[in-house]
Amino acid sequence: MKCGIYKIKKNNTMNIGDKIPDFLGKDQNGNEIRRSNYHGKKLILYSYPKANTSGCTAEACSLQAHKADLEAKGYAIIGVSKDKQELQKRFADAQGLDFPLIADTDTTLLQQLGCWGEKVACGRRTIGTLRTTYLVNEDGIIEKIFSHKEIKTKIHAEQILEYINS
């Protein structure tokens, strides 16, 4: 039997219509990432539990493989997890990811977004990152949220493109 992961409790949840914070964090290369750096661009801001794990790798590689298609629709990709900058860098280098991966080690952004909370895996309760994707318009407003229940990691970029094209 496969153990599922599902959220139990989230705090400070951002919803459709909310504006994401300007300061998002520092990426795997130490660069400061701000929403305002992407003026005129739409964002795919996605949170993932842990770099170099099978699901997170599948999701990141799906996004990388469809990056040109997403960019053609006006989107830039930004990932965020609790992982340290060094691990984010190794993950990006190993998988050939050429988009920012925010190292949110103190979970400030994850908490602001509402994708940090209690979850259950195989009957064990833990606190951690809830896999979530936010589609953000050019003004920084959330237009769509994919919850962990909706995300299919291996084809997540295709899910996003299907939504965008509908």
N, C-alpha and C. Protein backbone atom coordinates (compact mmCIF):
# COMPACT_ATOMS: atom_id res chain seq x y z
N MET A 1 0.84 -1.18 0.00
CA MET A 1 0.00 0.00 0.00
C MET A 1 0.89 1.24 0.00
N LYS A 2 0.59 2.16 -0.87
CA LYS A 2 1.36 3.40 -0.98
C LYS A 2 0.84 4.40 0.06
N CYS A 3 1.76 4.99 0.81
CA CYS A 3 1.38 5.99 1.80
C CYS A 3 1.24 7.33 1.12
N GLY A 4 0.14 8.00 1.35
CA GLY A 4 -0.07 9.33 0.78
C GLY A 4 0.34 10.41 1.74
N ILE A 5 0.61 11.57 1.20
CA ILE A 5 0.92 12.74 2.02
C ILE A 5 -0.21 13.72 1.80
N TYR A 6 -0.74 14.22 2.88
CA TYR A 6 -1.79 15.22 2.75
C TYR A 6 -1.65 16.23 3.87
N LYS A 7 -2.08 17.42 3.60
CA LYS A 7 -1.94 18.47 4.59
C LYS A 7 -3.03 18.36 5.63
N ILE A 8 -2.70 18.74 6.83
CA ILE A 8 -3.66 18.78 7.91
C ILE A 8 -3.96 20.22 8.28
N LYS A 9 -2.92 21.04 8.37
CA LYS A 9 -3.10 22.40 8.86
C LYS A 9 -2.09 23.33 8.21
N LYS A 10 -2.57 24.46 7.72
CA LYS A 10 -1.68 25.48 7.16
C LYS A 10 -1.94 26.80 7.89
N ASN A 11 -0.93 27.63 7.92
CA ASN A 11 -1.06 28.96 8.51
C ASN A 11 -0.85 30.01 7.43
N ASN A 12 -1.45 31.18 7.61
CA ASN A 12 -1.21 32.33 6.72
C ASN A 12 -1.35 32.00 5.25
N THR A 13 -2.38 31.31 4.88
CA THR A 13 -2.57 30.89 3.51
C THR A 13 -2.84 32.06 2.59
N MET A 14 -2.09 32.13 1.48
CA MET A 14 -2.38 33.11 0.44
C MET A 14 -3.39 32.47 -0.50
N ASN A 15 -4.27 33.30 -1.02
CA ASN A 15 -5.34 32.82 -1.87
C ASN A 15 -5.28 33.50 -3.23
N ILE A 16 -6.08 33.01 -4.15
CA ILE A 16 -6.22 33.65 -5.44
C ILE A 16 -6.67 35.09 -5.20
N GLY A 17 -6.01 36.02 -5.88
CA GLY A 17 -6.30 37.44 -5.71
C GLY A 17 -5.35 38.15 -4.76
N ASP A 18 -4.56 37.39 -3.99
CA ASP A 18 -3.59 37.99 -3.08
C ASP A 18 -2.30 38.31 -3.84
N LYS A 19 -1.60 39.33 -3.35
CA LYS A 19 -0.32 39.73 -3.94
C LYS A 19 0.80 39.03 -3.17
N ILE A 20 1.72 38.43 -3.92
CA ILE A 20 2.86 37.77 -3.27
C ILE A 20 3.83 38.85 -2.77
N PRO A 21 4.64 38.51 -1.76
CA PRO A 21 5.60 39.49 -1.26
C PRO A 21 6.62 39.88 -2.33
N ASP A 22 7.18 41.08 -2.21
CA ASP A 22 8.20 41.49 -3.16
C ASP A 22 9.49 40.72 -2.94
N PHE A 23 9.98 40.70 -1.69
CA PHE A 23 11.22 39.96 -1.41
C PHE A 23 10.88 38.49 -1.26
N LEU A 24 11.45 37.68 -2.15
CA LEU A 24 11.17 36.24 -2.12
C LEU A 24 12.28 35.46 -1.43
N GLY A 25 13.51 35.92 -1.50
CA GLY A 25 14.61 35.23 -0.85
C GLY A 25 15.85 35.25 -1.70
N LYS A 26 16.82 34.42 -1.31
CA LYS A 26 18.07 34.29 -2.07
C LYS A 26 18.11 32.90 -2.71
N ASP A 27 18.61 32.88 -3.94
CA ASP A 27 18.62 31.63 -4.69
C ASP A 27 19.90 30.83 -4.46
N GLN A 28 20.04 29.77 -5.23
CA GLN A 28 21.16 28.84 -5.10
C GLN A 28 22.51 29.50 -5.37
N ASN A 29 22.51 30.65 -6.03
CA ASN A 29 23.75 31.36 -6.33
C ASN A 29 23.97 32.57 -5.44
N GLY A 30 23.09 32.73 -4.45
CA GLY A 30 23.20 33.87 -3.54
C GLY A 30 22.56 35.14 -4.06
N ASN A 31 21.88 35.07 -5.19
CA ASN A 31 21.21 36.25 -5.76
C ASN A 31 19.91 36.53 -5.02
N GLU A 32 19.66 37.81 -4.77
CA GLU A 32 18.42 38.22 -4.14
C GLU A 32 17.32 38.15 -5.20
N ILE A 33 16.24 37.46 -4.89
CA ILE A 33 15.12 37.29 -5.83
C ILE A 33 13.94 38.10 -5.32
N ARG A 34 13.49 39.02 -6.16
CA ARG A 34 12.34 39.87 -5.85
C ARG A 34 11.31 39.76 -6.97
N ARG A 35 10.07 39.85 -6.58
CA ARG A 35 9.00 39.88 -7.57
C ARG A 35 9.23 41.03 -8.55
N SER A 36 9.65 42.17 -8.02
CA SER A 36 9.85 43.35 -8.86
C SER A 36 10.95 43.17 -9.90
N ASN A 37 11.81 42.17 -9.75
CA ASN A 37 12.82 41.86 -10.77
C ASN A 37 12.18 41.28 -12.03
N TYR A 38 10.94 40.86 -11.91
CA TYR A 38 10.24 40.19 -13.01
C TYR A 38 9.12 41.07 -13.56
N HIS A 39 9.30 42.37 -13.52
CA HIS A 39 8.29 43.31 -14.00
C HIS A 39 7.86 42.95 -15.42
N GLY A 40 6.56 42.85 -15.62
CA GLY A 40 6.03 42.51 -16.93
C GLY A 40 6.01 41.02 -17.22
N LYS A 41 6.51 40.20 -16.29
CA LYS A 41 6.53 38.75 -16.45
C LYS A 41 5.52 38.12 -15.50
N LYS A 42 5.01 36.99 -15.91
CA LYS A 42 4.20 36.15 -15.03
C LYS A 42 5.15 35.17 -14.37
N LEU A 43 4.77 34.67 -13.21
CA LEU A 43 5.62 33.74 -12.47
C LEU A 43 4.94 32.40 -12.22
N ILE A 44 5.75 31.37 -12.27
CA ILE A 44 5.38 30.07 -11.72
C ILE A 44 6.24 29.95 -10.48
N LEU A 45 5.63 30.13 -9.33
CA LEU A 45 6.33 30.03 -8.05
C LEU A 45 5.89 28.72 -7.42
N TYR A 46 6.84 27.79 -7.33
CA TYR A 46 6.45 26.47 -6.82
C TYR A 46 7.29 26.09 -5.61
N SER A 47 6.62 25.47 -4.64
CA SER A 47 7.31 25.00 -3.45
C SER A 47 7.43 23.48 -3.52
N TYR A 48 8.55 22.99 -3.04
CA TYR A 48 8.79 21.55 -3.05
C TYR A 48 9.48 21.16 -1.75
N PRO A 49 9.20 19.94 -1.28
CA PRO A 49 9.70 19.53 0.04
C PRO A 49 11.21 19.38 0.18
N LYS A 50 11.89 18.72 -0.78
CA LYS A 50 13.31 18.45 -0.58
C LYS A 50 14.00 18.19 -1.92
N ALA A 51 15.06 18.94 -2.16
CA ALA A 51 15.87 18.75 -3.37
C ALA A 51 16.44 17.34 -3.42
N ASN A 52 16.62 16.85 -4.63
CA ASN A 52 17.24 15.55 -4.89
C ASN A 52 16.42 14.36 -4.44
N THR A 53 15.14 14.55 -4.18
CA THR A 53 14.26 13.41 -3.93
C THR A 53 13.51 13.12 -5.23
N SER A 54 12.95 11.94 -5.33
CA SER A 54 12.37 11.52 -6.62
C SER A 54 11.25 12.44 -7.10
N GLY A 55 10.29 12.76 -6.26
CA GLY A 55 9.17 13.61 -6.67
C GLY A 55 9.60 15.02 -7.00
N CYS A 56 10.48 15.57 -6.19
CA CYS A 56 10.94 16.95 -6.41
C CYS A 56 11.81 17.04 -7.65
N THR A 57 12.60 16.01 -7.90
CA THR A 57 13.42 15.98 -9.10
C THR A 57 12.53 15.86 -10.34
N ALA A 58 11.53 15.00 -10.28
CA ALA A 58 10.62 14.83 -11.42
C ALA A 58 9.91 16.15 -11.73
N GLU A 59 9.45 16.84 -10.70
CA GLU A 59 8.75 18.11 -10.90
C GLU A 59 9.67 19.16 -11.52
N ALA A 60 10.86 19.31 -10.95
CA ALA A 60 11.81 20.31 -11.45
C ALA A 60 12.21 20.00 -12.90
N CYS A 61 12.43 18.74 -13.20
CA CYS A 61 12.83 18.36 -14.56
C CYS A 61 11.67 18.57 -15.54
N SER A 62 10.45 18.35 -15.11
CA SER A 62 9.29 18.63 -15.95
C SER A 62 9.25 20.11 -16.30
N LEU A 63 9.44 20.96 -15.31
CA LEU A 63 9.43 22.40 -15.55
C LEU A 63 10.58 22.82 -16.45
N GLN A 64 11.77 22.27 -16.21
CA GLN A 64 12.92 22.60 -17.05
C GLN A 64 12.70 22.15 -18.50
N ALA A 65 12.14 20.97 -18.68
CA ALA A 65 11.93 20.44 -20.03
C ALA A 65 10.94 21.29 -20.83
N HIS A 66 10.02 21.96 -20.13
CA HIS A 66 9.00 22.78 -20.81
C HIS A 66 9.23 24.28 -20.59
N LYS A 67 10.43 24.63 -20.16
CA LYS A 67 10.72 26.02 -19.84
C LYS A 67 10.50 26.95 -21.04
N ALA A 68 10.93 26.55 -22.20
CA ALA A 68 10.76 27.40 -23.39
C ALA A 68 9.28 27.62 -23.71
N ASP A 69 8.48 26.58 -23.57
CA ASP A 69 7.03 26.72 -23.81
C ASP A 69 6.40 27.65 -22.78
N LEU A 70 6.82 27.54 -21.52
CA LEU A 70 6.29 28.40 -20.46
C LEU A 70 6.74 29.85 -20.67
N GLU A 71 8.00 30.03 -21.05
CA GLU A 71 8.50 31.38 -21.33
C GLU A 71 7.77 32.01 -22.51
N ALA A 72 7.42 31.20 -23.51
CA ALA A 72 6.68 31.71 -24.66
C ALA A 72 5.30 32.23 -24.24
N LYS A 73 4.80 31.72 -23.14
CA LYS A 73 3.51 32.18 -22.59
C LYS A 73 3.70 33.32 -21.60
N GLY A 74 4.97 33.78 -21.43
CA GLY A 74 5.26 34.93 -20.58
C GLY A 74 5.62 34.60 -19.15
N TYR A 75 5.89 33.32 -18.86
CA TYR A 75 6.17 32.89 -17.49
C TYR A 75 7.65 32.68 -17.22
N ALA A 76 8.07 33.05 -16.01
CA ALA A 76 9.38 32.69 -15.48
C ALA A 76 9.13 31.71 -14.34
N ILE A 77 10.09 30.83 -14.10
CA ILE A 77 9.95 29.79 -13.07
C ILE A 77 10.84 30.13 -11.88
N ILE A 78 10.28 29.97 -10.68
CA ILE A 78 11.05 30.12 -9.44
C ILE A 78 10.62 29.00 -8.51
N GLY A 79 11.59 28.24 -8.01
CA GLY A 79 11.32 27.19 -7.03
C GLY A 79 11.71 27.66 -5.65
N VAL A 80 11.11 27.07 -4.63
CA VAL A 80 11.45 27.40 -3.24
C VAL A 80 11.31 26.17 -2.36
N SER A 81 12.30 25.95 -1.53
CA SER A 81 12.23 24.90 -0.51
C SER A 81 13.06 25.35 0.70
N LYS A 82 12.97 24.57 1.74
CA LYS A 82 13.69 24.86 2.98
C LYS A 82 15.18 24.50 2.87
N ASP A 83 15.56 23.86 1.81
CA ASP A 83 16.94 23.41 1.64
C ASP A 83 17.93 24.57 1.67
N LYS A 84 19.13 24.28 2.15
CA LYS A 84 20.20 25.27 2.20
C LYS A 84 20.67 25.59 0.78
N GLN A 85 21.29 26.74 0.66
CA GLN A 85 21.77 27.23 -0.63
C GLN A 85 22.69 26.21 -1.31
N GLU A 86 23.58 25.59 -0.57
CA GLU A 86 24.53 24.64 -1.15
C GLU A 86 23.80 23.45 -1.76
N LEU A 87 22.77 22.95 -1.07
CA LEU A 87 22.01 21.81 -1.59
C LEU A 87 21.20 22.23 -2.82
N GLN A 88 20.64 23.44 -2.79
CA GLN A 88 19.91 23.94 -3.95
C GLN A 88 20.85 24.03 -5.17
N LYS A 89 22.07 24.49 -4.93
CA LYS A 89 23.06 24.63 -6.01
C LYS A 89 23.41 23.25 -6.59
N ARG A 90 23.67 22.29 -5.72
CA ARG A 90 23.99 20.93 -6.19
C ARG A 90 22.82 20.34 -6.99
N PHE A 91 21.61 20.57 -6.50
CA PHE A 91 20.40 20.08 -7.17
C PHE A 91 20.28 20.71 -8.56
N ALA A 92 20.41 22.03 -8.62
CA ALA A 92 20.30 22.73 -9.91
C ALA A 92 21.38 22.26 -10.88
N ASP A 93 22.61 22.13 -10.40
CA ASP A 93 23.72 21.69 -11.26
C ASP A 93 23.51 20.25 -11.74
N ALA A 94 23.11 19.37 -10.83
CA ALA A 94 22.93 17.96 -11.18
C ALA A 94 21.81 17.75 -12.19
N GLN A 95 20.77 18.56 -12.10
CA GLN A 95 19.60 18.38 -12.97
C GLN A 95 19.58 19.35 -14.15
N GLY A 96 20.56 20.22 -14.25
CA GLY A 96 20.60 21.19 -15.34
C GLY A 96 19.48 22.21 -15.27
N LEU A 97 19.13 22.63 -14.06
CA LEU A 97 18.05 23.60 -13.85
C LEU A 97 18.62 25.01 -14.00
N ASP A 98 18.04 25.79 -14.88
CA ASP A 98 18.55 27.15 -15.07
C ASP A 98 17.51 28.19 -14.68
N PHE A 99 16.86 27.95 -13.56
CA PHE A 99 15.95 28.92 -12.96
C PHE A 99 16.26 29.00 -11.47
N PRO A 100 15.87 30.09 -10.82
CA PRO A 100 16.20 30.27 -9.40
C PRO A 100 15.51 29.25 -8.50
N LEU A 101 16.29 28.77 -7.53
CA LEU A 101 15.77 27.91 -6.47
C LEU A 101 16.05 28.63 -5.15
N ILE A 102 15.01 29.14 -4.54
CA ILE A 102 15.18 29.92 -3.32
C ILE A 102 15.45 28.99 -2.14
N ALA A 103 16.48 29.34 -1.38
CA ALA A 103 16.85 28.61 -0.17
C ALA A 103 16.17 29.30 1.02
N ASP A 104 14.96 28.89 1.34
CA ASP A 104 14.16 29.50 2.39
C ASP A 104 14.36 28.74 3.70
N THR A 105 15.59 28.75 4.20
CA THR A 105 15.95 27.93 5.35
C THR A 105 15.17 28.27 6.62
N ASP A 106 14.74 29.52 6.75
CA ASP A 106 13.96 29.88 7.94
C ASP A 106 12.45 29.82 7.68
N THR A 107 12.06 29.36 6.51
CA THR A 107 10.67 29.14 6.07
C THR A 107 9.82 30.42 6.05
N THR A 108 10.44 31.57 5.98
CA THR A 108 9.68 32.83 5.95
C THR A 108 8.73 32.88 4.76
N LEU A 109 9.24 32.65 3.55
CA LEU A 109 8.41 32.71 2.36
C LEU A 109 7.39 31.57 2.35
N LEU A 110 7.84 30.37 2.69
CA LEU A 110 6.93 29.23 2.72
C LEU A 110 5.75 29.50 3.65
N GLN A 111 6.02 30.09 4.80
CA GLN A 111 4.93 30.42 5.73
C GLN A 111 4.04 31.53 5.17
N GLN A 112 4.65 32.56 4.56
CA GLN A 112 3.85 33.65 3.97
C GLN A 112 2.91 33.12 2.90
N LEU A 113 3.39 32.20 2.11
CA LEU A 113 2.58 31.64 1.04
C LEU A 113 1.50 30.69 1.57
N GLY A 114 1.77 30.10 2.72
CA GLY A 114 0.83 29.13 3.27
C GLY A 114 1.13 27.70 2.84
N CYS A 115 2.35 27.45 2.39
CA CYS A 115 2.70 26.09 1.98
C CYS A 115 3.70 25.46 2.95
N TRP A 116 3.65 25.90 4.18
CA TRP A 116 4.42 25.30 5.27
C TRP A 116 3.40 24.91 6.32
N GLY A 117 3.37 23.64 6.69
CA GLY A 117 2.37 23.23 7.67
C GLY A 117 2.51 21.78 8.06
N GLU A 118 1.54 21.34 8.81
CA GLU A 118 1.53 19.97 9.29
C GLU A 118 1.01 19.05 8.19
N LYS A 119 1.65 17.91 8.06
CA LYS A 119 1.21 16.91 7.10
C LYS A 119 1.39 15.52 7.70
N VAL A 120 0.75 14.55 7.09
CA VAL A 120 0.82 13.18 7.57
C VAL A 120 1.32 12.29 6.44
N ALA A 121 2.31 11.49 6.73
CA ALA A 121 2.82 10.51 5.77
C ALA A 121 2.89 9.17 6.49
N CYS A 122 2.16 8.21 5.99
CA CYS A 122 2.15 6.86 6.58
C CYS A 122 1.81 6.90 8.06
N GLY A 123 0.89 7.76 8.46
CA GLY A 123 0.46 7.85 9.84
C GLY A 123 1.33 8.69 10.74
N ARG A 124 2.43 9.24 10.22
CA ARG A 124 3.34 10.05 11.01
C ARG A 124 3.13 11.53 10.70
N ARG A 125 2.91 12.32 11.72
CA ARG A 125 2.71 13.76 11.56
C ARG A 125 4.06 14.48 11.59
N THR A 126 4.22 15.37 10.62
CA THR A 126 5.44 16.18 10.56
C THR A 126 5.05 17.59 10.14
N ILE A 127 5.96 18.52 10.32
CA ILE A 127 5.80 19.88 9.82
C ILE A 127 6.76 20.02 8.65
N GLY A 128 6.27 20.55 7.55
CA GLY A 128 7.15 20.68 6.40
C GLY A 128 6.50 21.42 5.25
N THR A 129 7.17 21.37 4.12
CA THR A 129 6.70 22.05 2.92
C THR A 129 5.59 21.25 2.27
N LEU A 130 4.50 21.95 1.95
CA LEU A 130 3.39 21.35 1.23
C LEU A 130 3.57 21.71 -0.24
N ARG A 131 3.76 20.71 -1.07
CA ARG A 131 4.00 20.93 -2.50
C ARG A 131 2.84 21.75 -3.07
N THR A 132 3.16 22.93 -3.58
CA THR A 132 2.15 23.86 -4.07
C THR A 132 2.75 24.67 -5.21
N THR A 133 1.92 25.03 -6.20
CA THR A 133 2.36 25.90 -7.28
C THR A 133 1.41 27.08 -7.39
N TYR A 134 1.99 28.27 -7.49
CA TYR A 134 1.23 29.51 -7.64
C TYR A 134 1.52 30.09 -9.01
N LEU A 135 0.47 30.36 -9.79
CA LEU A 135 0.63 31.11 -11.03
C LEU A 135 0.31 32.55 -10.69
N VAL A 136 1.29 33.42 -10.95
CA VAL A 136 1.22 34.82 -10.52
C VAL A 136 1.26 35.71 -11.76
N ASN A 137 0.36 36.67 -11.82
CA ASN A 137 0.32 37.55 -13.01
C ASN A 137 1.41 38.62 -12.95
N GLU A 138 1.44 39.47 -13.96
CA GLU A 138 2.47 40.50 -14.08
C GLU A 138 2.46 41.52 -12.94
N ASP A 139 1.34 41.63 -12.25
CA ASP A 139 1.22 42.56 -11.12
C ASP A 139 1.50 41.91 -9.77
N GLY A 140 1.92 40.64 -9.79
CA GLY A 140 2.23 39.95 -8.54
C GLY A 140 1.02 39.33 -7.87
N ILE A 141 -0.11 39.25 -8.57
CA ILE A 141 -1.34 38.71 -8.01
C ILE A 141 -1.47 37.23 -8.36
N ILE A 142 -1.80 36.41 -7.36
CA ILE A 142 -1.99 34.98 -7.58
C ILE A 142 -3.27 34.76 -8.38
N GLU A 143 -3.13 34.04 -9.50
CA GLU A 143 -4.28 33.75 -10.36
C GLU A 143 -4.74 32.30 -10.29
N LYS A 144 -3.83 31.41 -9.92
CA LYS A 144 -4.17 29.98 -9.84
C LYS A 144 -3.26 29.34 -8.81
N ILE A 145 -3.80 28.41 -8.04
CA ILE A 145 -3.02 27.64 -7.08
C ILE A 145 -3.25 26.16 -7.37
N PHE A 146 -2.16 25.44 -7.59
CA PHE A 146 -2.21 23.99 -7.70
C PHE A 146 -1.82 23.43 -6.33
N SER A 147 -2.71 22.70 -5.70
CA SER A 147 -2.42 22.11 -4.40
C SER A 147 -1.65 20.80 -4.58
N HIS A 148 -1.11 20.31 -3.49
CA HIS A 148 -0.35 19.06 -3.55
C HIS A 148 -1.20 17.91 -4.07
N LYS A 149 -2.50 17.96 -3.85
CA LYS A 149 -3.38 16.89 -4.32
C LYS A 149 -3.53 16.90 -5.84
N GLU A 150 -3.36 18.06 -6.46
CA GLU A 150 -3.51 18.20 -7.91
C GLU A 150 -2.23 17.93 -8.68
N ILE A 151 -1.09 18.16 -8.05
CA ILE A 151 0.19 18.13 -8.76
C ILE A 151 0.64 16.70 -9.04
N LYS A 152 0.89 16.45 -10.31
CA LYS A 152 1.50 15.18 -10.75
C LYS A 152 2.92 15.55 -11.16
N THR A 153 3.87 15.20 -10.32
CA THR A 153 5.23 15.72 -10.46
C THR A 153 5.85 15.47 -11.83
N LYS A 154 5.66 14.30 -12.41
CA LYS A 154 6.31 13.96 -13.68
C LYS A 154 5.77 14.77 -14.85
N ILE A 155 4.54 15.27 -14.73
CA ILE A 155 3.93 16.01 -15.84
C ILE A 155 3.41 17.39 -15.38
N HIS A 156 4.02 17.92 -14.35
CA HIS A 156 3.48 19.16 -13.78
C HIS A 156 3.51 20.33 -14.78
N ALA A 157 4.56 20.46 -15.53
CA ALA A 157 4.62 21.54 -16.52
C ALA A 157 3.49 21.39 -17.54
N GLU A 158 3.18 20.18 -17.93
CA GLU A 158 2.08 19.94 -18.86
C GLU A 158 0.74 20.34 -18.22
N GLN A 159 0.59 20.07 -16.92
CA GLN A 159 -0.61 20.50 -16.22
C GLN A 159 -0.75 22.02 -16.27
N ILE A 160 0.35 22.71 -16.04
CA ILE A 160 0.35 24.17 -16.06
C ILE A 160 0.01 24.67 -17.46
N LEU A 161 0.65 24.11 -18.47
CA LEU A 161 0.38 24.53 -19.85
C LEU A 161 -1.07 24.26 -20.24
N GLU A 162 -1.60 23.14 -19.80
CA GLU A 162 -3.00 22.84 -20.09
C GLU A 162 -3.91 23.90 -19.47
N TYR A 163 -3.62 24.28 -18.24
CA TYR A 163 -4.41 25.32 -17.59
C TYR A 163 -4.27 26.66 -18.33
N ILE A 164 -3.05 27.04 -18.66
CA ILE A 164 -2.78 28.31 -19.33
C ILE A 164 -3.50 28.37 -20.68
N ASN A 165 -3.47 27.25 -21.39
CA ASN A 165 -4.05 27.20 -22.74
C ASN A 165 -5.57 27.01 -22.76
N SER A 166 -6.16 26.76 -21.59
CA SER A 166 -7.62 26.52 -21.57
C SER A 166 -8.42 27.81 -21.56
